C-alpha atoms as a PDB file:
ATOM      1  CA  MET A   1     111.223 131.225  94.430  1.00  0.00           C
ATOM      2  CA  ALA A   2     110.292 127.688  96.772  1.00  0.00           C
ATOM      3  CA  SER A   3     111.991 126.654  99.822  1.00  0.00           C
ATOM      4  CA  SER A   4     113.864 123.440  98.823  1.00  0.00           C
ATOM      5  CA  GLY A   5     112.858 122.118 102.487  1.00  0.00           C
ATOM      6  CA  THR A   6     115.952 121.123 103.243  1.00  0.00           C
ATOM      7  CA  GLY A   7     116.799 123.739 106.197  1.00  0.00           C
ATOM      8  CA  PRO A   8     115.239 123.385 110.147  1.00  0.00           C
ATOM      9  CA  ARG A   9     112.112 122.987 110.821  1.00  0.00           C
ATOM     10  CA  ARG A  10     109.897 126.021 111.059  1.00  0.00           C
ATOM     11  CA  VAL A  11     109.006 126.399 115.101  1.00  0.00           C
ATOM     12  CA  THR A  12     104.954 125.959 115.299  1.00  0.00           C
ATOM     13  CA  ILE A  13     102.479 127.144 118.081  1.00  0.00           C
ATOM     14  CA  ASN A  14     102.498 123.495 119.274  1.00  0.00           C
ATOM     15  CA  ASP A  15     105.521 123.867 120.502  1.00  0.00           C
ATOM     16  CA  VAL A  16     105.426 126.894 121.717  1.00  0.00           C
ATOM     17  CA  ALA A  17     101.991 125.447 124.050  1.00  0.00           C
ATOM     18  CA  ARG A  18     104.173 122.914 124.488  1.00  0.00           C
ATOM     19  CA  THR A  19     107.017 124.220 125.756  1.00  0.00           C
ATOM     20  CA  ALA A  20     104.676 127.025 128.557  1.00  0.00           C
ATOM     21  CA  GLY A  21     102.500 124.264 128.950  1.00  0.00           C
ATOM     22  CA  VAL A  22      99.322 125.333 128.181  1.00  0.00           C
ATOM     23  CA  SER A  23      96.968 124.919 125.086  1.00  0.00           C
ATOM     24  CA  ARG A  24      97.635 126.371 121.957  1.00  0.00           C
ATOM     25  CA  GLN A  25      94.179 128.278 121.397  1.00  0.00           C
ATOM     26  CA  THR A  26      95.444 129.874 124.848  1.00  0.00           C
ATOM     27  CA  VAL A  27      99.244 130.817 122.776  1.00  0.00           C
ATOM     28  CA  SER A  28      97.195 132.122 120.042  1.00  0.00           C
ATOM     29  CA  ARG A  29      95.066 134.727 122.208  1.00  0.00           C
ATOM     30  CA  ALA A  30      98.701 135.309 124.736  1.00  0.00           C
ATOM     31  CA  LEU A  31     100.473 136.500 121.281  1.00  0.00           C
ATOM     32  CA  ASN A  32      97.046 138.543 119.103  1.00  0.00           C
ATOM     33  CA  ASP A  33      97.054 140.104 122.470  1.00  0.00           C
ATOM     34  CA  LYS A  34      93.386 139.278 123.798  1.00  0.00           C
ATOM     35  CA  GLY A  35      92.426 139.606 127.167  1.00  0.00           C
ATOM     36  CA  GLU A  36      90.855 136.236 128.145  1.00  0.00           C
ATOM     37  CA  ILE A  37      94.161 135.277 130.049  1.00  0.00           C
ATOM     38  CA  ASP A  38      96.051 136.596 133.027  1.00  0.00           C
ATOM     39  CA  VAL A  39      99.527 138.238 133.091  1.00  0.00           C
ATOM     40  CA  THR A  40     101.881 135.609 134.343  1.00  0.00           C
ATOM     41  CA  THR A  41     100.338 133.325 131.721  1.00  0.00           C
ATOM     42  CA  LYS A  42     100.456 135.067 128.789  1.00  0.00           C
ATOM     43  CA  GLN A  43     104.037 136.111 130.019  1.00  0.00           C
ATOM     44  CA  ARG A  44     104.953 132.474 130.146  1.00  0.00           C
ATOM     45  CA  VAL A  45     103.732 131.962 126.241  1.00  0.00           C
ATOM     46  CA  LEU A  46     106.005 134.954 125.352  1.00  0.00           C
ATOM     47  CA  ASP A  47     108.962 133.981 127.290  1.00  0.00           C
ATOM     48  CA  ALA A  48     108.552 130.531 125.696  1.00  0.00           C
ATOM     49  CA  ALA A  49     107.880 131.867 121.412  1.00  0.00           C
ATOM     50  CA  LEU A  50     110.861 134.506 121.991  1.00  0.00           C
ATOM     51  CA  ALA A  51     113.430 130.951 123.559  1.00  0.00           C
ATOM     52  CA  LEU A  52     111.608 129.370 120.016  1.00  0.00           C
ATOM     53  CA  GLY A  53     112.297 131.724 118.064  1.00  0.00           C
ATOM     54  CA  TYR A  54     108.702 131.803 117.177  1.00  0.00           C
ATOM     55  CA  ARG A  55     107.430 133.766 113.967  1.00  0.00           C
ATOM     56  CA  PRO A  56     103.594 133.836 113.565  1.00  0.00           C
ATOM     57  CA  SER A  57     102.601 132.555 110.077  1.00  0.00           C
ATOM     58  CA  ARG A  58     100.989 135.054 108.116  1.00  0.00           C
ATOM     59  CA  PHE A  59      97.742 134.672 109.578  1.00  0.00           C
ATOM     60  CA  ALA A  60      98.264 134.414 113.122  1.00  0.00           C
ATOM     61  CA  ARG A  61      99.993 137.889 112.467  1.00  0.00           C
ATOM     62  CA  GLY A  62      96.646 138.883 110.855  1.00  0.00           C
ATOM     63  CA  LEU A  63      98.636 139.108 108.216  1.00  0.00           C
ATOM     64  CA  VAL A  64      95.856 137.234 105.929  1.00  0.00           C
ATOM     65  CA  ARG A  65      91.859 138.567 105.767  1.00  0.00           C
ATOM     66  CA  GLN A  66      89.921 135.445 105.268  1.00  0.00           C
ATOM     67  CA  ASP A  67      89.114 136.005 101.474  1.00  0.00           C
ATOM     68  CA  THR A  68      92.414 135.389 100.448  1.00  0.00           C
ATOM     69  CA  ILE A  69      93.377 132.493 102.427  1.00  0.00           C
ATOM     70  CA  SER A  70      95.200 130.053 100.198  1.00  0.00           C
ATOM     71  CA  VAL A  71      94.917 125.638 100.743  1.00  0.00           C
ATOM     72  CA  GLY A  72      97.047 123.375  99.431  1.00  0.00           C
ATOM     73  CA  LEU A  73      94.621 120.551  98.194  1.00  0.00           C
ATOM     74  CA  VAL A  74      97.065 117.352  97.577  1.00  0.00           C
ATOM     75  CA  ILE A  75      95.088 114.465  94.956  1.00  0.00           C
ATOM     76  CA  PRO A  76      96.507 111.656  94.470  1.00  0.00           C
ATOM     77  CA  ASP A  77      94.946 111.105  91.324  1.00  0.00           C
ATOM     78  CA  LEU A  78      92.360 113.254  89.312  1.00  0.00           C
ATOM     79  CA  LEU A  79      91.680 110.812  86.801  1.00  0.00           C
ATOM     80  CA  ASN A  80      89.968 108.795  89.483  1.00  0.00           C
ATOM     81  CA  PRO A  81      87.143 110.456  89.202  1.00  0.00           C
ATOM     82  CA  PHE A  82      86.623 110.283  93.688  1.00  0.00           C
ATOM     83  CA  PHE A  83      89.116 111.986  93.884  1.00  0.00           C
ATOM     84  CA  THR A  84      87.785 114.668  91.807  1.00  0.00           C
ATOM     85  CA  GLU A  85      84.019 114.933  94.051  1.00  0.00           C
ATOM     86  CA  VAL A  86      86.035 114.832  96.745  1.00  0.00           C
ATOM     87  CA  ALA A  87      88.298 117.853  95.280  1.00  0.00           C
ATOM     88  CA  ALA A  88      84.970 119.698  93.795  1.00  0.00           C
ATOM     89  CA  ALA A  89      83.197 119.118  97.606  1.00  0.00           C
ATOM     90  CA  ALA A  90      86.586 121.100  99.261  1.00  0.00           C
ATOM     91  CA  LEU A  91      86.422 123.570  96.979  1.00  0.00           C
ATOM     92  CA  ASP A  92      82.676 124.008  97.342  1.00  0.00           C
ATOM     93  CA  ALA A  93      83.346 124.059 101.038  1.00  0.00           C
ATOM     94  CA  ALA A  94      86.357 126.276 100.535  1.00  0.00           C
ATOM     95  CA  ARG A  95      84.324 129.140  98.083  1.00  0.00           C
ATOM     96  CA  SER A  96      82.143 129.204 101.026  1.00  0.00           C
ATOM     97  CA  ARG A  97      84.881 131.119 103.265  1.00  0.00           C
ATOM     98  CA  GLY A  98      85.851 132.987 100.679  1.00  0.00           C
ATOM     99  CA  TRP A  99      88.673 130.269 100.175  1.00  0.00           C
ATOM    100  CA  HIS A 100      91.392 130.039  97.580  1.00  0.00           C
ATOM    101  CA  VAL A 101      92.075 126.588  97.074  1.00  0.00           C
ATOM    102  CA  VAL A 102      94.513 124.894  94.998  1.00  0.00           C
ATOM    103  CA  VAL A 103      94.671 121.656  93.913  1.00  0.00           C
ATOM    104  CA  TYR A 104      98.080 119.377  93.156  1.00  0.00           C
ATOM    105  CA  ASP A 105      98.122 116.337  91.120  1.00  0.00           C
ATOM    106  CA  THR A 106     101.381 114.356  92.518  1.00  0.00           C
ATOM    107  CA  GLY A 107     100.071 111.366  90.137  1.00  0.00           C
ATOM    108  CA  ASP A 108     100.283 108.823  92.810  1.00  0.00           C
ATOM    109  CA  ARG A 109     104.118 109.079  93.345  1.00  0.00           C
ATOM    110  CA  ILE A 110     106.067 109.541  96.342  1.00  0.00           C
ATOM    111  CA  GLU A 111     108.508 111.841  94.870  1.00  0.00           C
ATOM    112  CA  GLU A 112     105.877 113.918  93.000  1.00  0.00           C
ATOM    113  CA  GLU A 113     104.438 114.351  96.426  1.00  0.00           C
ATOM    114  CA  ARG A 114     107.272 115.241  97.899  1.00  0.00           C
ATOM    115  CA  GLY A 115     108.279 117.839  95.299  1.00  0.00           C
ATOM    116  CA  THR A 116     104.759 119.133  95.893  1.00  0.00           C
ATOM    117  CA  LEU A 117     105.357 120.019  99.251  1.00  0.00           C
ATOM    118  CA  GLN A 118     108.823 121.467  98.918  1.00  0.00           C
ATOM    119  CA  VAL A 119     106.968 124.368  96.739  1.00  0.00           C
ATOM    120  CA  ILE A 120     103.630 124.926  97.760  1.00  0.00           C
ATOM    121  CA  ALA A 121     105.137 125.133 101.685  1.00  0.00           C
ATOM    122  CA  SER A 122     105.800 129.294 100.651  1.00  0.00           C
ATOM    123  CA  GLN A 123     102.381 129.427  98.592  1.00  0.00           C
ATOM    124  CA  VAL A 124      99.609 128.276 101.079  1.00  0.00           C
ATOM    125  CA  ASP A 125      98.320 128.835 104.650  1.00  0.00           C
ATOM    126  CA  ALA A 126      97.736 125.113 104.852  1.00  0.00           C
ATOM    127  CA  VAL A 127      98.134 121.919 103.298  1.00  0.00           C
ATOM    128  CA  VAL A 128      95.412 119.478 102.774  1.00  0.00           C
ATOM    129  CA  GLY A 129      94.547 116.261 101.044  1.00  0.00           C
ATOM    130  CA  TYR A 130      96.154 112.760 100.705  1.00  0.00           C
ATOM    131  CA  LEU A 131     100.211 112.357 102.434  1.00  0.00           C
ATOM    132  CA  SER A 132     101.348 109.205 101.932  1.00  0.00           C
ATOM    133  CA  GLN A 133     104.698 110.033 103.230  1.00  0.00           C
ATOM    134  CA  PRO A 134     105.918 109.279 106.684  1.00  0.00           C
ATOM    135  CA  GLU A 135     104.718 112.107 108.800  1.00  0.00           C
ATOM    136  CA  ASP A 136     107.592 113.353 110.057  1.00  0.00           C
ATOM    137  CA  GLU A 137     108.733 113.310 105.983  1.00  0.00           C
ATOM    138  CA  ILE A 138     105.519 115.719 105.726  1.00  0.00           C
ATOM    139  CA  ASP A 139     106.732 117.546 108.949  1.00  0.00           C
ATOM    140  CA  LYS A 140     109.861 118.496 108.063  1.00  0.00           C
ATOM    141  CA  LEU A 141     108.770 119.092 104.136  1.00  0.00           C
ATOM    142  CA  ALA A 142     105.194 121.499 105.543  1.00  0.00           C
ATOM    143  CA  ARG A 143     107.614 123.988 107.592  1.00  0.00           C
ATOM    144  CA  GLY A 144     105.420 124.558 110.318  1.00  0.00           C
ATOM    145  CA  LEU A 145     101.772 124.294 108.200  1.00  0.00           C
ATOM    146  CA  PRO A 146      98.829 123.145 109.361  1.00  0.00           C
ATOM    147  CA  VAL A 147      98.206 120.133 107.656  1.00  0.00           C
ATOM    148  CA  VAL A 148      94.945 118.156 107.713  1.00  0.00           C
ATOM    149  CA  LEU A 149      95.337 114.445 106.538  1.00  0.00           C
ATOM    150  CA  ILE A 150      92.430 112.694 104.738  1.00  0.00           C
ATOM    151  CA  ASP A 151      91.618 109.107 104.735  1.00  0.00           C
ATOM    152  CA  ARG A 152      94.650 108.208 107.220  1.00  0.00           C
ATOM    153  CA  GLU A 153      95.029 107.619 110.707  1.00  0.00           C
ATOM    154  CA  HIS A 154      97.623 110.569 112.239  1.00  0.00           C
ATOM    155  CA  ARG A 155     100.008 109.707 114.557  1.00  0.00           C
ATOM    156  CA  THR A 156     101.575 112.764 116.628  1.00  0.00           C
ATOM    157  CA  GLU A 157      99.862 115.728 117.436  1.00  0.00           C
ATOM    158  CA  ARG A 158     101.699 118.221 114.953  1.00  0.00           C
ATOM    159  CA  PHE A 159      98.844 116.878 112.384  1.00  0.00           C
ATOM    160  CA  SER A 160      94.996 116.340 112.392  1.00  0.00           C
ATOM    161  CA  SER A 161      93.366 114.155 109.919  1.00  0.00           C
ATOM    162  CA  ILE A 162      89.570 112.922 109.241  1.00  0.00           C
ATOM    163  CA  ARG A 163      88.992 109.113 108.533  1.00  0.00           C
ATOM    164  CA  ILE A 164      86.761 107.088 106.217  1.00  0.00           C
ATOM    165  CA  ASP A 165      84.544 104.242 108.012  1.00  0.00           C
ATOM    166  CA  GLY A 166      82.982 102.088 105.698  1.00  0.00           C
ATOM    167  CA  GLU A 167      82.243  98.986 107.585  1.00  0.00           C
ATOM    168  CA  LYS A 168      79.036  99.160 108.681  1.00  0.00           C
ATOM    169  CA  GLY A 169      78.125 100.063 105.076  1.00  0.00           C
ATOM    170  CA  VAL A 170      80.396  97.227 104.073  1.00  0.00           C
ATOM    171  CA  ARG A 171      78.713  94.785 106.424  1.00  0.00           C
ATOM    172  CA  ALA A 172      75.091  96.107 105.085  1.00  0.00           C
ATOM    173  CA  ALA A 173      76.561  94.942 101.180  1.00  0.00           C
ATOM    174  CA  ILE A 174      77.809  91.351 102.407  1.00  0.00           C
ATOM    175  CA  ALA A 175      74.630  91.436 104.771  1.00  0.00           C
ATOM    176  CA  HIS A 176      72.612  91.935 101.091  1.00  0.00           C
ATOM    177  CA  LEU A 177      74.142  89.493  99.930  1.00  0.00           C
ATOM    178  CA  VAL A 178      74.174  86.858 101.999  1.00  0.00           C
ATOM    179  CA  GLU A 179      70.237  87.316 102.323  1.00  0.00           C
ATOM    180  CA  SER A 180      69.902  87.559  98.910  1.00  0.00           C
ATOM    181  CA  GLY A 181      71.208  84.018  98.914  1.00  0.00           C
ATOM    182  CA  HIS A 182      75.132  84.268  97.394  1.00  0.00           C
ATOM    183  CA  ARG A 183      77.403  82.258 100.100  1.00  0.00           C
ATOM    184  CA  HIS A 184      80.499  82.285  97.619  1.00  0.00           C
ATOM    185  CA  ILE A 185      81.622  86.248  98.088  1.00  0.00           C
ATOM    186  CA  GLY A 186      84.879  87.639  96.695  1.00  0.00           C
ATOM    187  CA  MET A 187      86.619  90.299  97.000  1.00  0.00           C
ATOM    188  CA  LEU A 188      88.796  92.736  94.230  1.00  0.00           C
ATOM    189  CA  ASP A 189      91.294  94.318  96.643  1.00  0.00           C
ATOM    190  CA  HIS A 190      93.638  97.309  96.034  1.00  0.00           C
ATOM    191  CA  ALA A 191      96.461  95.891  94.097  1.00  0.00           C
ATOM    192  CA  GLY A 192      99.530  98.599  95.086  1.00  0.00           C
ATOM    193  CA  ARG A 193      99.837  97.810  98.849  1.00  0.00           C
ATOM    194  CA  SER A 194     102.316  95.049 100.094  1.00  0.00           C
ATOM    195  CA  GLU A 195      99.191  94.477 102.689  1.00  0.00           C
ATOM    196  CA  PRO A 196      95.210  93.374 102.371  1.00  0.00           C
ATOM    197  CA  SER A 197      93.825  97.126 102.921  1.00  0.00           C
ATOM    198  CA  ILE A 198      91.881  98.171 105.620  1.00  0.00           C
ATOM    199  CA  ARG A 199      88.722  97.443 103.588  1.00  0.00           C
ATOM    200  CA  HIS A 200      89.495  93.806 103.247  1.00  0.00           C
ATOM    201  CA  ALA A 201      89.157  93.884 106.575  1.00  0.00           C
ATOM    202  CA  TRP A 202      86.153  95.599 107.487  1.00  0.00           C
ATOM    203  CA  PHE A 203      84.701  92.906 104.196  1.00  0.00           C
ATOM    204  CA  ALA A 204      86.192  89.825 106.288  1.00  0.00           C
ATOM    205  CA  ASP A 205      84.627  90.463 109.664  1.00  0.00           C
ATOM    206  CA  ALA A 206      81.417  91.238 107.477  1.00  0.00           C
ATOM    207  CA  MET A 207      81.777  87.870 105.591  1.00  0.00           C
ATOM    208  CA  ALA A 208      82.441  86.348 109.311  1.00  0.00           C
ATOM    209  CA  ALA A 209      79.390  88.473 110.924  1.00  0.00           C
ATOM    210  CA  CYS A 210      77.486  86.489 108.408  1.00  0.00           C
ATOM    211  CA  GLY A 211      79.036  82.795 109.500  1.00  0.00           C
ATOM    212  CA  LEU A 212      81.036  82.570 106.186  1.00  0.00           C
ATOM    213  CA  ASP A 213      85.145  82.444 106.258  1.00  0.00           C
ATOM    214  CA  ALA A 214      86.276  85.086 104.057  1.00  0.00           C
ATOM    215  CA  GLY A 215      86.144  84.879 100.405  1.00  0.00           C
ATOM    216  CA  PRO A 216      89.318  84.602  97.704  1.00  0.00           C
ATOM    217  CA  VAL A 217      90.821  87.745  97.211  1.00  0.00           C
ATOM    218  CA  SER A 218      92.618  88.665  93.145  1.00  0.00           C
ATOM    219  CA  ARG A 219      93.987  92.350  93.542  1.00  0.00           C
ATOM    220  CA  ALA A 220      93.513  94.865  91.321  1.00  0.00           C
ATOM    221  CA  ASP A 221      94.700  97.770  89.436  1.00  0.00           C
ATOM    222  CA  GLN A 222      92.706 100.424  90.280  1.00  0.00           C
ATOM    223  CA  SER A 223      91.446 101.010  87.322  1.00  0.00           C
ATOM    224  CA  VAL A 224      88.723 100.292  84.873  1.00  0.00           C
ATOM    225  CA  GLU A 225      91.351  97.999  83.510  1.00  0.00           C
ATOM    226  CA  GLY A 226      92.247  96.650  86.941  1.00  0.00           C
ATOM    227  CA  GLY A 227      88.617  95.145  87.442  1.00  0.00           C
ATOM    228  CA  GLU A 228      87.960  94.020  84.544  1.00  0.00           C
ATOM    229  CA  SER A 229      91.640  91.922  84.847  1.00  0.00           C
ATOM    230  CA  ALA A 230      91.642  90.664  88.778  1.00  0.00           C
ATOM    231  CA  LEU A 231      87.623  89.481  87.839  1.00  0.00           C
ATOM    232  CA  LYS A 232      88.726  87.432  85.380  1.00  0.00           C
ATOM    233  CA  ASP A 233      91.435  85.714  87.571  1.00  0.00           C
ATOM    234  CA  LEU A 234      89.250  85.707  90.287  1.00  0.00           C
ATOM    235  CA  LEU A 235      86.691  83.001  88.566  1.00  0.00           C
ATOM    236  CA  ALA A 236      89.148  81.108  87.183  1.00  0.00           C
ATOM    237  CA  GLU A 237      90.703  80.376  90.292  1.00  0.00           C
ATOM    238  CA  HIS A 238      86.699  80.026  91.803  1.00  0.00           C
ATOM    239  CA  PRO A 239      84.107  80.095  89.150  1.00  0.00           C
ATOM    240  CA  ASP A 240      82.010  79.243  92.002  1.00  0.00           C
ATOM    241  CA  VAL A 241      82.175  82.757  93.126  1.00  0.00           C
ATOM    242  CA  THR A 242      78.702  84.837  92.643  1.00  0.00           C
ATOM    243  CA  ALA A 243      79.367  87.699  94.454  1.00  0.00           C
ATOM    244  CA  VAL A 244      82.240  90.296  94.449  1.00  0.00           C
ATOM    245  CA  PHE A 245      82.598  93.308  96.514  1.00  0.00           C
ATOM    246  CA  ALA A 246      85.367  95.788  94.975  1.00  0.00           C
ATOM    247  CA  PHE A 247      88.196  98.382  96.571  1.00  0.00           C
ATOM    248  CA  ASN A 248      86.489 100.867  94.747  1.00  0.00           C
ATOM    249  CA  ASP A 249      83.681 101.728  92.069  1.00  0.00           C
ATOM    250  CA  ILE A 250      86.432 102.124  89.670  1.00  0.00           C
ATOM    251  CA  VAL A 251      87.181  98.459  90.167  1.00  0.00           C
ATOM    252  CA  ALA A 252      83.523  97.429  89.728  1.00  0.00           C
ATOM    253  CA  ILE A 253      82.722  99.301  87.092  1.00  0.00           C
ATOM    254  CA  GLY A 254      85.268  97.035  85.498  1.00  0.00           C
ATOM    255  CA  ALA A 255      84.080  94.041  87.400  1.00  0.00           C
ATOM    256  CA  LEU A 256      80.931  94.472  85.171  1.00  0.00           C
ATOM    257  CA  ARG A 257      82.676  95.330  82.212  1.00  0.00           C
ATOM    258  CA  GLY A 258      84.512  92.530  82.550  1.00  0.00           C
ATOM    259  CA  ALA A 259      81.822  89.992  83.807  1.00  0.00           C
ATOM    260  CA  ARG A 260      79.859  91.022  80.403  1.00  0.00           C
ATOM    261  CA  ARG A 261      82.727  88.898  77.690  1.00  0.00           C
ATOM    262  CA  LEU A 262      82.932  85.933  80.168  1.00  0.00           C
ATOM    263  CA  GLY A 263      79.042  85.841  79.518  1.00  0.00           C
ATOM    264  CA  ARG A 264      78.352  85.873  82.969  1.00  0.00           C
ATOM    265  CA  GLU A 265      74.965  88.430  83.636  1.00  0.00           C
ATOM    266  CA  VAL A 266      74.609  90.615  86.614  1.00  0.00           C
ATOM    267  CA  PRO A 267      73.122  90.149  88.669  1.00  0.00           C
ATOM    268  CA  ARG A 268      71.419  87.276  87.853  1.00  0.00           C
ATOM    269  CA  ASP A 269      74.685  85.113  87.615  1.00  0.00           C
ATOM    270  CA  LEU A 270      77.466  87.707  88.888  1.00  0.00           C
ATOM    271  CA  ALA A 271      76.503  90.214  91.745  1.00  0.00           C
ATOM    272  CA  VAL A 272      78.675  93.511  92.234  1.00  0.00           C
ATOM    273  CA  ILE A 273      78.803  96.354  95.050  1.00  0.00           C
ATOM    274  CA  GLY A 274      82.099  98.804  94.706  1.00  0.00           C
ATOM    275  CA  PHE A 275      83.055 101.013  97.222  1.00  0.00           C
ATOM    276  CA  ASP A 276      83.014 105.309  97.137  1.00  0.00           C
ATOM    277  CA  GLY A 277      79.454 106.007  95.971  1.00  0.00           C
ATOM    278  CA  LEU A 278      80.741 108.234  92.954  1.00  0.00           C
ATOM    279  CA  GLN A 279      78.133 109.594  89.967  1.00  0.00           C
ATOM    280  CA  LEU A 280      79.245 107.840  87.360  1.00  0.00           C
ATOM    281  CA  GLY A 281      77.945 104.179  89.187  1.00  0.00           C
ATOM    282  CA  ALA A 282      74.598 105.353  88.541  1.00  0.00           C
ATOM    283  CA  LEU A 283      75.127 105.955  84.744  1.00  0.00           C
ATOM    284  CA  VAL A 284      76.794 102.482  83.410  1.00  0.00           C
ATOM    285  CA  GLU A 285      74.652  99.075  82.689  1.00  0.00           C
ATOM    286  CA  PRO A 286      73.641  97.960  85.215  1.00  0.00           C
ATOM    287  CA  PRO A 287      73.431 100.945  87.537  1.00  0.00           C
ATOM    288  CA  LEU A 288      76.074 100.088  90.040  1.00  0.00           C
ATOM    289  CA  SER A 289      74.953  99.149  93.880  1.00  0.00           C
ATOM    290  CA  THR A 290      77.667 100.586  96.048  1.00  0.00           C
ATOM    291  CA  VAL A 291      79.147 101.613  99.785  1.00  0.00           C
ATOM    292  CA  ALA A 292      78.980 105.670  99.450  1.00  0.00           C
ATOM    293  CA  LEU A 293      81.043 107.862 101.315  1.00  0.00           C
ATOM    294  CA  ASP A 294      79.777 111.007 101.835  1.00  0.00           C
ATOM    295  CA  THR A 295      81.734 113.597  99.898  1.00  0.00           C
ATOM    296  CA  ARG A 296      80.089 116.836 100.436  1.00  0.00           C
ATOM    297  CA  ALA A 297      80.157 116.004 104.728  1.00  0.00           C
ATOM    298  CA  LEU A 298      84.289 114.773 103.934  1.00  0.00           C
ATOM    299  CA  GLY A 299      84.717 118.554 101.732  1.00  0.00           C
ATOM    300  CA  ALA A 300      83.014 120.259 105.198  1.00  0.00           C
ATOM    301  CA  LEU A 301      85.497 118.687 107.318  1.00  0.00           C
ATOM    302  CA  VAL A 302      88.367 119.412 105.961  1.00  0.00           C
ATOM    303  CA  VAL A 303      88.034 123.111 105.470  1.00  0.00           C
ATOM    304  CA  GLU A 304      86.369 123.530 109.533  1.00  0.00           C
ATOM    305  CA  GLN A 305      88.926 121.677 110.608  1.00  0.00           C
ATOM    306  CA  THR A 306      91.806 123.860 108.657  1.00  0.00           C
ATOM    307  CA  ALA A 307      89.946 127.131 109.731  1.00  0.00           C
ATOM    308  CA  ARG A 308      90.268 126.083 113.477  1.00  0.00           C
ATOM    309  CA  LEU A 309      94.209 124.723 112.708  1.00  0.00           C
ATOM    310  CA  LEU A 310      94.134 128.394 111.382  1.00  0.00           C
ATOM    311  CA  THR A 311      92.685 130.592 113.827  1.00  0.00           C
ATOM    312  CA  GLY A 312      93.718 128.999 116.756  1.00  0.00           C
ATOM    313  CA  GLU A 313      90.116 127.769 117.651  1.00  0.00           C
ATOM    314  CA  ASP A 314      89.417 124.599 119.846  1.00  0.00           C
ATOM    315  CA  PRO A 315      89.926 121.540 116.767  1.00  0.00           C
ATOM    316  CA  LEU A 316      87.135 119.095 116.398  1.00  0.00           C
ATOM    317  CA  GLY A 317      87.419 116.482 118.532  1.00  0.00           C
ATOM    318  CA  HIS A 318      89.000 112.774 117.300  1.00  0.00           C
ATOM    319  CA  ASP A 319      84.773 110.762 117.025  1.00  0.00           C
ATOM    320  CA  GLU A 320      83.722 114.107 115.471  1.00  0.00           C
ATOM    321  CA  LEU A 321      86.523 113.692 112.253  1.00  0.00           C
ATOM    322  CA  VAL A 322      85.217 111.005 110.844  1.00  0.00           C
ATOM    323  CA  VAL A 323      83.056 109.998 107.492  1.00  0.00           C
ATOM    324  CA  GLY A 324      80.903 106.723 107.370  1.00  0.00           C
ATOM    325  CA  ALA A 325      79.889 104.968 104.308  1.00  0.00           C
ATOM    326  CA  GLU A 326      76.391 103.237 103.473  1.00  0.00           C
ATOM    327  CA  LEU A 327      74.496 101.520 101.452  1.00  0.00           C
ATOM    328  CA  ARG A 328      73.186 102.336  98.203  1.00  0.00           C
ATOM    329  CA  LEU A 329      71.573  99.657  96.053  1.00  0.00           C
ATOM    330  CA  ARG A 330      71.045  99.490  92.552  1.00  0.00           C
ATOM    331  CA  GLU A 331      70.754  97.184  90.174  1.00  0.00           C
ATOM    332  CA  SER A 332      73.929  95.149  90.244  1.00  0.00           C
ATOM    333  CA  ALA A 333      73.369  93.549  93.669  1.00  0.00           C
END
């Protein structure tokens, strides 16, 4: 039966390292009786582990072989093709190590995410994915498991995170639109957030770099229908807009459909650029221009960092844990 997550947080290797005044790698070597550590340091680590009541994970105790490692991958919405592509990339990278990956879809609901973490904490060796709760809540629910966050900056050393940096790609997208003669450029941003998204910040900075004020924004639900509706609202208020940058490709595909229903031909009357680089974007008409993320690189980074956290190796540094994006031009812009 899964833990309810309401008990005390499990002591982690990071706690032992902090108490003993050493690195987590030194703790791992001491607990596994590796020779590259002096006797005094080893004893200090063992004393700290005993005092804290540290119980190594089944991986750290040598009870788990590489081919029986199980990782829980938490995804907010598998109906969104982008998250399906991310999951496929992570599964591929994990499969090359002989790992088992269990994918959990939270439906982008906070209560579902909380319940998922409560259930899987006793069933997997690590948790990775898109988690939206405060870090202290994740820490309590994960109960000492290694956690790798995707597309979110971590604030404590307890966690690791893979960052998405689309700034250069968005700048290239806006520069291309400006070079193509567009001056009135709008954005279809994420509707599910109280504040503008980081992608809107990239958009505004890119517009400023081209000597333009940030264009008008319409909030879109993350669906084809949401993109179509948001474009209709944007053009109703700002009919002079001749190009739009969308929060993601799904919203952009909705904008393509919306433009067609409004009698605007793409790209002659309205240029459209998305974000994510979905394979689906090449199949719509006209094929979608996009700021494309390398999902295979993202999956590989997630698995590599997870492996390092499990084994006690030096984790990848902040500047290594980033996936960039580049402009991929097709016929929509």
